[in-house]
């Protein structure tokens, strides 16, 4: 759950991680693991935006919808 909350923060409106989320992450992950997750999400997000901007996204792609935490 903490990893999904981190992802929501990273792909939503830019804002610092709340102290509550930082505490949740530290319960499950090391600092290095949090950095690795954040970089992975950032790289995938950036790549997806680049592909869309260049018109290189696939015409059809399987989509999976998953509720976000708290929704």
Protein backbone atom coordinates (compact mmCIF):
# COMPACT_ATOMS: atom_id res chain seq x y z
CA UNK A 1 0.00 0.00 0.00
CA UNK A 2 2.80 2.44 0.83
CA UNK A 3 4.39 1.84 -2.58
CA UNK A 4 1.10 2.71 -4.31
CA UNK A 5 0.75 5.86 -2.21
CA UNK A 6 4.30 6.83 -3.22
CA UNK A 7 3.38 6.29 -6.86
CA UNK A 8 0.27 8.49 -6.48
CA UNK A 9 2.41 11.31 -5.09
CA UNK A 10 4.96 10.96 -7.88
CA UNK A 11 2.48 10.93 -10.76
CA UNK A 12 0.05 13.48 -9.30
CA UNK A 13 0.54 17.16 -8.59
CA UNK A 14 4.14 17.65 -7.43
CA UNK A 15 4.40 17.87 -3.65
CA UNK A 16 6.75 16.67 -0.92
CA UNK A 17 6.12 13.30 0.70
CA UNK A 18 4.12 13.73 3.88
CA UNK A 19 5.72 12.67 7.16
CA UNK A 20 3.01 9.99 7.43
CA UNK A 21 3.90 8.49 4.05
CA UNK A 22 7.61 8.65 4.85
CA UNK A 23 6.95 6.68 8.06
CA UNK A 24 4.86 4.08 6.17
CA UNK A 25 7.59 3.64 3.58
CA UNK A 26 10.27 3.22 6.25
CA UNK A 27 8.24 0.42 7.84
CA UNK A 28 8.54 -1.65 4.66
CA UNK A 29 11.50 -0.36 2.63
CA UNK A 30 15.05 0.88 3.04
CA UNK A 31 15.98 4.37 1.83
CA UNK A 32 17.69 2.78 -1.19
CA UNK A 33 14.53 0.82 -2.06
CA UNK A 34 12.38 3.95 -1.86
CA UNK A 35 14.79 5.80 -4.14
CA UNK A 36 14.78 2.88 -6.60
CA UNK A 37 10.96 2.81 -6.69
CA UNK A 38 10.78 6.58 -7.13
CA UNK A 39 13.32 6.56 -9.96
CA UNK A 40 11.54 3.66 -11.66
CA UNK A 41 8.18 5.44 -11.55
CA UNK A 42 9.77 8.69 -12.74
CA UNK A 43 11.53 7.01 -15.65
CA UNK A 44 8.39 5.18 -16.80
CA UNK A 45 6.30 8.35 -16.47
CA UNK A 46 8.83 10.40 -18.40
CA UNK A 47 9.16 7.77 -21.12
CA UNK A 48 5.40 7.51 -21.55
CA UNK A 49 5.10 11.29 -21.95
CA UNK A 50 7.97 11.33 -24.45
CA UNK A 51 6.41 8.55 -26.54
CA UNK A 52 3.05 10.33 -26.56
CA UNK A 53 4.64 13.67 -27.52
CA UNK A 54 6.50 12.01 -30.41
CA UNK A 55 3.40 10.12 -31.54
CA UNK A 56 5.02 6.76 -30.87
CA UNK A 57 2.51 5.28 -28.44
CA UNK A 58 0.77 2.09 -29.58
CA UNK A 59 -2.63 2.53 -31.22
CA UNK A 60 -4.17 -0.16 -29.04
CA UNK A 61 -2.99 -1.32 -25.67
CA UNK A 62 -4.50 -3.52 -22.99
CA UNK A 63 -5.56 -1.39 -20.03
CA UNK A 64 -5.93 -2.44 -16.42
CA UNK A 65 -7.85 -0.17 -14.05
CA UNK A 66 -6.98 -0.36 -10.38
CA UNK A 67 -8.43 1.82 -7.62
CA UNK A 68 -5.98 4.11 -5.90
CA UNK A 69 -5.57 4.03 -2.13
CA UNK A 70 -8.27 6.00 -0.37
CA UNK A 71 -10.70 6.03 -3.30
